[in-house]
Protein backbone atom coordinates (compact mmCIF):
# COMPACT_ATOMS: atom_id res chain seq x y z
CA MET A 1 0.00 0.00 0.00
CA LYS A 2 3.05 2.28 0.37
CA GLU A 3 2.80 3.67 -3.17
CA THR A 4 -0.88 4.53 -2.86
CA ILE A 5 -0.95 6.31 0.50
CA PHE A 6 -0.20 9.67 -1.08
CA SER A 7 0.47 10.79 -4.62
CA CYS A 8 0.66 14.55 -5.19
CA GLN A 9 -1.83 15.73 -7.81
CA ARG A 10 -0.29 19.25 -7.99
CA CYS A 11 -3.73 20.74 -7.38
CA GLY A 12 -2.43 23.61 -5.23
CA HIS A 13 -4.88 23.03 -2.38
CA CYS A 14 -1.98 22.81 0.06
CA CYS A 15 -0.82 26.26 -1.11
CA GLU A 16 -4.17 27.78 -0.21
CA GLY A 17 -4.96 29.50 3.07
CA LYS A 18 -3.60 32.36 5.10
CA GLY A 19 -0.60 32.01 7.33
CA GLY A 20 0.25 28.35 7.26
CA ILE A 21 3.70 28.40 5.70
CA VAL A 22 6.10 28.98 8.58
CA LEU A 23 9.73 29.59 7.64
CA THR A 24 12.92 29.02 9.55
CA LEU A 25 15.82 31.43 9.01
CA PRO A 26 17.85 28.86 7.02
CA GLU A 27 14.85 28.37 4.71
CA LEU A 28 14.50 32.13 4.29
CA GLU A 29 18.18 32.29 3.36
CA LYS A 30 17.88 29.48 0.77
CA ILE A 31 14.83 31.05 -0.88
CA ALA A 32 16.44 34.52 -0.97
CA ILE A 33 19.54 33.07 -2.64
CA PHE A 34 17.35 31.15 -5.11
CA LEU A 35 15.49 34.36 -6.01
CA ASP A 36 18.74 36.35 -6.03
CA VAL A 37 17.54 38.95 -3.53
CA GLU A 38 19.04 40.24 -0.31
CA GLN A 39 17.68 38.47 2.77
CA ALA A 40 16.40 41.72 4.29
CA THR A 41 14.60 42.60 1.04
CA PHE A 42 13.12 39.12 0.80
CA GLN A 43 11.94 39.23 4.41
CA LYS A 44 10.32 42.64 3.99
CA LYS A 45 8.65 41.85 0.67
CA TYR A 46 7.57 38.23 1.11
CA THR A 47 7.20 37.46 4.82
CA GLU A 48 5.24 38.53 7.87
CA LEU A 49 5.02 37.53 11.52
CA SER A 50 2.20 35.27 12.64
CA PRO A 51 0.24 36.22 15.78
CA GLU A 52 2.50 33.71 17.61
CA GLY A 53 5.58 35.58 16.40
CA LYS A 54 6.67 33.01 13.83
CA LEU A 55 7.98 34.06 10.43
CA ARG A 56 5.69 33.00 7.60
CA LEU A 57 5.24 33.56 3.89
CA LYS A 58 2.68 36.17 2.89
CA THR A 59 -0.38 35.23 0.90
CA LYS A 60 -1.97 36.77 -2.15
CA ASN A 61 -5.59 36.03 -3.07
CA ASN A 62 -5.60 33.50 -0.20
CA PHE A 63 -2.72 31.47 -1.72
CA CYS A 64 0.97 31.40 -0.90
CA ILE A 65 2.62 34.36 -2.56
CA PHE A 66 4.80 31.93 -4.53
CA PHE A 67 1.92 29.87 -5.94
CA ASN A 68 1.05 30.41 -9.58
CA SER A 69 -2.13 28.73 -10.84
CA LYS A 70 -0.54 27.91 -14.20
CA ARG A 71 3.02 27.05 -13.11
CA GLY A 72 2.57 25.83 -9.54
CA CYS A 73 5.18 26.60 -6.90
CA LEU A 74 7.62 29.22 -8.11
CA ILE A 75 10.19 28.24 -5.45
CA HIS A 76 9.68 24.47 -5.69
CA PRO A 77 13.41 23.52 -5.64
CA VAL A 78 13.86 25.37 -2.31
CA LYS A 79 10.35 25.22 -0.87
CA PRO A 80 10.06 25.25 2.93
CA LYS A 81 10.08 21.96 4.82
CA VAL A 82 6.46 22.39 5.81
CA CYS A 83 5.51 22.42 2.12
CA ALA A 84 7.61 19.34 1.38
CA ALA A 85 6.00 17.52 4.31
CA TRP A 86 2.35 17.90 3.30
CA PRO A 87 0.11 15.95 4.03
CA PHE A 88 2.17 14.36 6.79
CA PHE A 89 1.44 17.02 9.41
CA ARG A 90 1.24 16.19 13.11
CA GLY A 91 -2.54 16.60 13.26
CA ASN A 92 -3.11 14.30 10.29
CA LEU A 93 -0.80 11.68 11.84
CA ILE A 94 -2.57 11.51 15.21
CA ASP A 95 -6.19 12.51 14.71
CA GLU A 96 -8.71 10.47 12.74
CA MET A 97 -10.91 13.54 12.12
CA ALA A 98 -7.98 15.66 10.92
CA LEU A 99 -6.98 12.93 8.48
CA ALA A 100 -10.59 12.59 7.28
CA MET A 101 -10.70 16.35 6.62
CA ALA A 102 -7.33 16.20 4.82
CA LYS A 103 -8.65 13.38 2.62
CA THR A 104 -11.61 15.51 1.52
CA TYR A 105 -9.32 18.50 0.89
CA CYS A 106 -6.40 16.77 -0.81
CA PRO A 107 -7.11 14.50 -3.80
CA GLY A 108 -3.64 12.93 -3.48
CA ILE A 109 -4.40 11.14 -0.21
CA ASN A 110 -5.82 7.65 -0.70
CA PRO A 111 -9.32 7.84 0.79
CA LYS A 112 -9.06 4.21 1.93
CA VAL A 113 -5.82 4.55 3.91
CA SER A 114 -6.19 3.97 7.64
CA LEU A 115 -4.80 6.34 10.26
CA ASP A 116 -2.29 3.69 11.34
CA GLN A 117 -1.02 3.15 7.77
CA PHE A 118 -0.88 6.89 7.15
CA LYS A 119 1.02 7.50 10.39
CA ARG A 120 3.59 4.75 9.78
CA TYR A 121 4.23 5.86 6.21
CA GLY A 122 4.20 9.56 7.13
CA LEU A 123 6.70 9.26 9.98
CA ASP A 124 9.00 7.19 7.78
CA TYR A 125 8.69 9.80 5.01
CA LEU A 126 9.40 12.72 7.35
CA LYS A 127 12.41 10.95 8.82
CA LYS A 128 13.89 9.93 5.43
CA LYS A 129 13.43 13.43 4.00
CA GLN A 130 14.76 15.07 7.20
CA LEU A 131 11.62 17.16 7.61
CA ILE A 132 11.11 16.72 11.35
CA SER A 133 11.36 19.99 13.25
CA THR A 134 12.79 20.42 16.72
CA ASP A 135 12.96 24.21 16.42
CA SER A 136 10.29 25.90 18.56
CA ASN A 137 10.22 28.73 16.01
CA GLY A 138 9.64 26.28 13.19
CA PRO A 139 6.36 24.76 12.06
CA THR A 140 4.46 22.98 14.82
CA ALA A 141 3.01 20.63 12.20
CA LEU A 142 6.48 19.04 11.84
CA GLN A 143 7.21 18.61 15.55
CA VAL A 144 6.59 14.88 15.62
CA SER A 145 9.61 13.39 17.39
CA ASP A 146 7.43 12.17 20.25
CA LEU A 147 5.30 10.06 17.85
CA PHE A 148 8.07 7.55 17.15
CA ALA A 149 7.85 4.30 19.12
CA LYS A 150 10.40 4.21 21.90
């Protein structure tokens, strides 16, 4: 079932919504270099602080500022970890209702996958891709270290 748990459809649904793409400073640096802009300029033009004080990408028309409906993610080679991790967010890995909502929202998630299968595959994926966050200023959705069996 591993191959059918998730297959990105490039629909852009995960790029939609205000304030969900939290950036770490190393990610900000990588994106600024990719775009060939000074970090301070990048930060001023493309980021904002969340109410919790975390750095996040701005949105435009309720989509990530770097999402283009015809071309997709304009920073795909250096996209933030939280983007690379979707749909394997903490909530979706531990909560049956959250996963059910994600399945209705994201056409790439197999609607028949169980929470246990999704969690096992997701944790393995996050670990292999080095997407787990231990930085309190990073995305909470990727703070999953405690979900691994001891």
